[in-house]
C-alpha atoms as a PDB file:
ATOM      1  CA  UNK A   1     167.553-123.189 -86.662  1.00  0.00           C
ATOM      2  CA  UNK A   2     165.848-122.653 -83.375  1.00  0.00           C
ATOM      3  CA  UNK A   3     162.321-123.804 -83.119  1.00  0.00           C
ATOM      4  CA  UNK A   4     159.895-122.388 -80.643  1.00  0.00           C
ATOM      5  CA  UNK A   5     157.228-119.864 -80.246  1.00  0.00           C
ATOM      6  CA  UNK A   6     157.830-116.203 -80.115  1.00  0.00           C
ATOM      7  CA  UNK A   7     155.754-114.457 -77.538  1.00  0.00           C
ATOM      8  CA  UNK A   8     155.157-110.749 -77.499  1.00  0.00           C
ATOM      9  CA  UNK A   9     154.330-108.798 -74.451  1.00  0.00           C
ATOM     10  CA  UNK A  10     150.894-107.308 -74.045  1.00  0.00           C
ATOM     11  CA  UNK A  11     152.379-103.824 -74.237  1.00  0.00           C
ATOM     12  CA  UNK A  12     153.945-104.373 -77.662  1.00  0.00           C
ATOM     13  CA  UNK A  13     151.065-106.282 -79.164  1.00  0.00           C
ATOM     14  CA  UNK A  14     148.838-104.588 -81.723  1.00  0.00           C
ATOM     15  CA  UNK A  15     146.046-106.820 -80.531  1.00  0.00           C
ATOM     16  CA  UNK A  16     146.366-105.444 -77.015  1.00  0.00           C
ATOM     17  CA  UNK A  17     145.887-101.854 -78.316  1.00  0.00           C
ATOM     18  CA  UNK A  18     142.737-102.842 -80.166  1.00  0.00           C
ATOM     19  CA  UNK A  19     141.465-104.781 -77.195  1.00  0.00           C
ATOM     20  CA  UNK A  20     142.018-102.027 -74.652  1.00  0.00           C
ATOM     21  CA  UNK A  21     139.136-101.002 -72.521  1.00  0.00           C
ATOM     22  CA  UNK A  22     136.531 -99.112 -74.583  1.00  0.00           C
ATOM     23  CA  UNK A  23     135.920 -96.436 -71.925  1.00  0.00           C
ATOM     24  CA  UNK A  24     139.546 -95.297 -72.249  1.00  0.00           C
ATOM     25  CA  UNK A  25     139.162 -94.843 -75.988  1.00  0.00           C
ATOM     26  CA  UNK A  26     135.912 -92.926 -75.541  1.00  0.00           C
ATOM     27  CA  UNK A  27     137.452 -90.710 -72.846  1.00  0.00           C
ATOM     28  CA  UNK A  28     140.455 -89.956 -75.076  1.00  0.00           C
ATOM     29  CA  UNK A  29     138.192 -89.192 -78.045  1.00  0.00           C
ATOM     30  CA  UNK A  30     136.019 -86.893 -75.928  1.00  0.00           C
ATOM     31  CA  UNK A  31     139.066 -85.048 -74.639  1.00  0.00           C
ATOM     32  CA  UNK A  32     140.465 -84.668 -78.160  1.00  0.00           C
ATOM     33  CA  UNK A  33     137.132 -83.416 -79.483  1.00  0.00           C
ATOM     34  CA  UNK A  34     136.955 -80.849 -76.676  1.00  0.00           C
ATOM     35  CA  UNK A  35     140.446 -79.563 -77.411  1.00  0.00           C
ATOM     36  CA  UNK A  36     139.674 -79.298 -81.126  1.00  0.00           C
ATOM     37  CA  UNK A  37     136.477 -77.359 -80.408  1.00  0.00           C
ATOM     38  CA  UNK A  38     138.328 -74.923 -78.149  1.00  0.00           C
ATOM     39  CA  UNK A  39     141.066 -74.411 -80.731  1.00  0.00           C
ATOM     40  CA  UNK A  40     138.539 -73.701 -83.457  1.00  0.00           C
ATOM     41  CA  UNK A  41     137.229 -70.590 -81.651  1.00  0.00           C
ATOM     42  CA  UNK A  42     140.334 -68.577 -80.683  1.00  0.00           C
ATOM     43  CA  UNK A  43     138.846 -65.228 -81.648  1.00  0.00           C
ATOM     44  CA  UNK A  44     135.832 -65.754 -79.384  1.00  0.00           C
ATOM     45  CA  UNK A  45     138.139 -66.265 -76.417  1.00  0.00           C
ATOM     46  CA  UNK A  46     140.318 -63.313 -77.450  1.00  0.00           C
ATOM     47  CA  UNK A  47     137.229 -61.093 -77.578  1.00  0.00           C
ATOM     48  CA  UNK A  48     135.993 -62.142 -74.157  1.00  0.00           C
ATOM     49  CA  UNK A  49     139.509 -61.745 -72.771  1.00  0.00           C
ATOM     50  CA  UNK A  50     139.659 -58.248 -74.260  1.00  0.00           C
ATOM     51  CA  UNK A  51     136.304 -57.355 -72.759  1.00  0.00           C
ATOM     52  CA  UNK A  52     137.541 -58.280 -69.273  1.00  0.00           C
ATOM     53  CA  UNK A  53     140.839 -56.466 -69.888  1.00  0.00           C
ATOM     54  CA  UNK A  54     139.019 -53.382 -71.182  1.00  0.00           C
ATOM     55  CA  UNK A  55     136.782 -53.177 -68.097  1.00  0.00           C
ATOM     56  CA  UNK A  56     139.826 -53.381 -65.825  1.00  0.00           C
ATOM     57  CA  UNK A  57     141.888 -50.897 -67.876  1.00  0.00           C
ATOM     58  CA  UNK A  58     138.997 -48.456 -68.235  1.00  0.00           C
ATOM     59  CA  UNK A  59     138.288 -48.556 -64.493  1.00  0.00           C
ATOM     60  CA  UNK A  60     141.943 -47.925 -63.669  1.00  0.00           C
ATOM     61  CA  UNK A  61     142.123 -44.902 -66.022  1.00  0.00           C
ATOM     62  CA  UNK A  62     138.849 -43.450 -64.706  1.00  0.00           C
ATOM     63  CA  UNK A  63     140.090 -43.911 -61.120  1.00  0.00           C
ATOM     64  CA  UNK A  64     143.487 -42.397 -61.996  1.00  0.00           C
ATOM     65  CA  UNK A  65     145.302 -45.551 -60.816  1.00  0.00           C
ATOM     66  CA  UNK A  66     148.581 -44.900 -62.629  1.00  0.00           C
ATOM     67  CA  UNK A  67     150.341 -47.988 -61.253  1.00  0.00           C
ATOM     68  CA  UNK A  68     147.552 -50.328 -62.382  1.00  0.00           C
ATOM     69  CA  UNK A  69     147.468 -48.737 -65.846  1.00  0.00           C
ATOM     70  CA  UNK A  70     151.262 -49.080 -66.099  1.00  0.00           C
ATOM     71  CA  UNK A  71     150.994 -52.810 -65.329  1.00  0.00           C
ATOM     72  CA  UNK A  72     148.596 -53.191 -68.277  1.00  0.00           C
ATOM     73  CA  UNK A  73     150.935 -51.340 -70.662  1.00  0.00           C
ATOM     74  CA  UNK A  74     153.598 -52.753 -72.992  1.00  0.00           C
ATOM     75  CA  UNK A  75     156.842 -50.803 -73.219  1.00  0.00           C
ATOM     76  CA  UNK A  76     158.043 -49.037 -75.197  1.00  0.00           C
ATOM     77  CA  UNK A  77     154.644 -47.375 -75.614  1.00  0.00           C
ATOM     78  CA  UNK A  78     154.206 -45.972 -79.116  1.00  0.00           C
ATOM     79  CA  UNK A  79     153.263 -42.286 -79.249  1.00  0.00           C
ATOM     80  CA  UNK A  80     151.937 -39.944 -81.975  1.00  0.00           C
ATOM     81  CA  UNK A  81     154.060 -38.599 -84.803  1.00  0.00           C
ATOM     82  CA  UNK A  82     157.132 -36.667 -83.592  1.00  0.00           C
ATOM     83  CA  UNK A  83     156.488 -37.545 -79.929  1.00  0.00           C
ATOM     84  CA  UNK A  84     159.080 -39.737 -78.196  1.00  0.00           C
ATOM     85  CA  UNK A  85     157.986 -43.236 -77.242  1.00  0.00           C
ATOM     86  CA  UNK A  86     157.468 -43.974 -73.555  1.00  0.00           C
ATOM     87  CA  UNK A  87     160.404 -46.254 -72.794  1.00  0.00           C
ATOM     88  CA  UNK A  88     159.561 -47.753 -69.394  1.00  0.00           C
ATOM     89  CA  UNK A  89     157.255 -47.717 -66.380  1.00  0.00           C
ATOM     90  CA  UNK A  90     159.029 -44.811 -64.667  1.00  0.00           C
ATOM     91  CA  UNK A  91     158.805 -42.695 -67.824  1.00  0.00           C
ATOM     92  CA  UNK A  92     155.138 -43.710 -68.165  1.00  0.00           C
ATOM     93  CA  UNK A  93     154.293 -42.601 -64.625  1.00  0.00           C
ATOM     94  CA  UNK A  94     156.008 -39.234 -65.266  1.00  0.00           C
ATOM     95  CA  UNK A  95     154.146 -38.754 -68.586  1.00  0.00           C
ATOM     96  CA  UNK A  96     150.782 -40.170 -67.481  1.00  0.00           C
ATOM     97  CA  UNK A  97     148.960 -36.824 -67.769  1.00  0.00           C
ATOM     98  CA  UNK A  98     150.386 -36.245 -71.253  1.00  0.00           C
ATOM     99  CA  UNK A  99     149.065 -39.651 -72.348  1.00  0.00           C
ATOM    100  CA  UNK A 100     145.623 -39.630 -70.724  1.00  0.00           C
ATOM    101  CA  UNK A 101     144.879 -35.918 -70.270  1.00  0.00           C
ATOM    102  CA  UNK A 102     146.748 -34.415 -73.242  1.00  0.00           C
ATOM    103  CA  UNK A 103     144.744 -34.006 -76.439  1.00  0.00           C
ATOM    104  CA  UNK A 104     141.871 -36.148 -75.136  1.00  0.00           C
ATOM    105  CA  UNK A 105     140.379 -36.618 -71.702  1.00  0.00           C
ATOM    106  CA  UNK A 106     140.682 -40.412 -71.610  1.00  0.00           C
ATOM    107  CA  UNK A 107     138.880 -40.835 -68.282  1.00  0.00           C
ATOM    108  CA  UNK A 108     135.840 -38.987 -69.604  1.00  0.00           C
ATOM    109  CA  UNK A 109     135.986 -40.672 -73.012  1.00  0.00           C
ATOM    110  CA  UNK A 110     136.427 -44.205 -71.657  1.00  0.00           C
ATOM    111  CA  UNK A 111     133.198 -43.992 -69.650  1.00  0.00           C
ATOM    112  CA  UNK A 112     131.161 -44.388 -72.834  1.00  0.00           C
ATOM    113  CA  UNK A 113     133.711 -45.453 -75.476  1.00  0.00           C
ATOM    114  CA  UNK A 114     133.131 -48.673 -77.368  1.00  0.00           C
ATOM    115  CA  UNK A 115     136.157 -50.740 -78.414  1.00  0.00           C
ATOM    116  CA  UNK A 116     136.674 -51.022 -82.173  1.00  0.00           C
ATOM    117  CA  UNK A 117     138.001 -54.419 -83.294  1.00  0.00           C
ATOM    118  CA  UNK A 118     140.803 -54.032 -85.836  1.00  0.00           C
ATOM    119  CA  UNK A 119     141.746 -57.736 -85.844  1.00  0.00           C
ATOM    120  CA  UNK A 120     141.759 -60.754 -83.535  1.00  0.00           C
ATOM    121  CA  UNK A 121     144.891 -59.303 -81.950  1.00  0.00           C
ATOM    122  CA  UNK A 122     144.094 -55.565 -81.897  1.00  0.00           C
ATOM    123  CA  UNK A 123     141.395 -53.267 -80.562  1.00  0.00           C
ATOM    124  CA  UNK A 124     141.282 -49.474 -80.685  1.00  0.00           C
ATOM    125  CA  UNK A 125     139.424 -46.861 -78.656  1.00  0.00           C
ATOM    126  CA  UNK A 126     138.758 -43.549 -80.402  1.00  0.00           C
ATOM    127  CA  UNK A 127     138.314 -40.383 -78.355  1.00  0.00           C
ATOM    128  CA  UNK A 128     137.448 -36.797 -79.331  1.00  0.00           C
ATOM    129  CA  UNK A 129     139.598 -33.797 -78.437  1.00  0.00           C
ATOM    130  CA  UNK A 130     139.048 -32.673 -74.859  1.00  0.00           C
ATOM    131  CA  UNK A 131     137.807 -29.275 -76.123  1.00  0.00           C
ATOM    132  CA  UNK A 132     134.957 -31.064 -77.968  1.00  0.00           C
ATOM    133  CA  UNK A 133     134.116 -34.034 -75.719  1.00  0.00           C
ATOM    134  CA  UNK A 134     130.700 -34.758 -77.253  1.00  0.00           C
ATOM    135  CA  UNK A 135     131.949 -34.774 -80.865  1.00  0.00           C
ATOM    136  CA  UNK A 136     132.016 -38.540 -81.447  1.00  0.00           C
ATOM    137  CA  UNK A 137     132.001 -37.966 -85.224  1.00  0.00           C
ATOM    138  CA  UNK A 138     135.474 -36.423 -84.941  1.00  0.00           C
ATOM    139  CA  UNK A 139     137.373 -38.689 -82.569  1.00  0.00           C
ATOM    140  CA  UNK A 140     140.963 -38.751 -83.842  1.00  0.00           C
ATOM    141  CA  UNK A 141     142.767 -39.781 -80.649  1.00  0.00           C
ATOM    142  CA  UNK A 142     143.338 -43.515 -80.831  1.00  0.00           C
ATOM    143  CA  UNK A 143     144.340 -45.723 -77.906  1.00  0.00           C
ATOM    144  CA  UNK A 144     145.718 -49.003 -79.263  1.00  0.00           C
ATOM    145  CA  UNK A 145     145.531 -52.392 -77.507  1.00  0.00           C
ATOM    146  CA  UNK A 146     147.147 -55.629 -78.667  1.00  0.00           C
ATOM    147  CA  UNK A 147     147.155 -59.248 -77.617  1.00  0.00           C
ATOM    148  CA  UNK A 148     150.726 -60.001 -76.503  1.00  0.00           C
ATOM    149  CA  UNK A 149     152.350 -63.101 -75.029  1.00  0.00           C
ATOM    150  CA  UNK A 150     151.452 -61.691 -71.612  1.00  0.00           C
ATOM    151  CA  UNK A 151     147.808 -61.034 -72.536  1.00  0.00           C
ATOM    152  CA  UNK A 152     146.118 -57.815 -73.652  1.00  0.00           C
ATOM    153  CA  UNK A 153     148.197 -54.651 -73.259  1.00  0.00           C
ATOM    154  CA  UNK A 154     147.947 -50.940 -74.022  1.00  0.00           C
ATOM    155  CA  UNK A 155     150.591 -50.516 -76.743  1.00  0.00           C
ATOM    156  CA  UNK A 156     150.139 -47.115 -78.311  1.00  0.00           C
ATOM    157  CA  UNK A 157     148.574 -43.684 -78.566  1.00  0.00           C
ATOM    158  CA  UNK A 158     148.003 -41.980 -81.905  1.00  0.00           C
ATOM    159  CA  UNK A 159     146.388 -38.911 -83.409  1.00  0.00           C
ATOM    160  CA  UNK A 160     145.048 -40.164 -86.727  1.00  0.00           C
ATOM    161  CA  UNK A 161     144.903 -36.585 -88.057  1.00  0.00           C
ATOM    162  CA  UNK A 162     148.704 -36.323 -88.009  1.00  0.00           C
END
């Protein structure tokens, strides 16, 4: 049997963890508390992110900036019943007028439209037919926006009457 003392290094000692500098523990606890607070309010951040996205998207549509609108769109873009989906950016640029000037005048509608929150990950904008632009009671043209891995994107157009 070998007699002697066994020494442990400061790094492996439980006592050294408990005796670490108190300011480090407080800083770590403060950081952890901050992260937990931020994680507990994901919908608040999603809403504010959507608001910023909506202002940018709305401005691009009103200005007729097709390229900017295309960059904020997820492909394939879903279209109304019996209308082919928009497969890619090139197809989107070709069909831009069909999407934003077809049944509804999106540029005119978006000036005063209020986003409707469907869920934490989806917002919709409802627009009236372009023949009846002031008829907000009958606004069946729905522009759909979703939170994707790349942020908020325009993902679909629908006529809820069909």
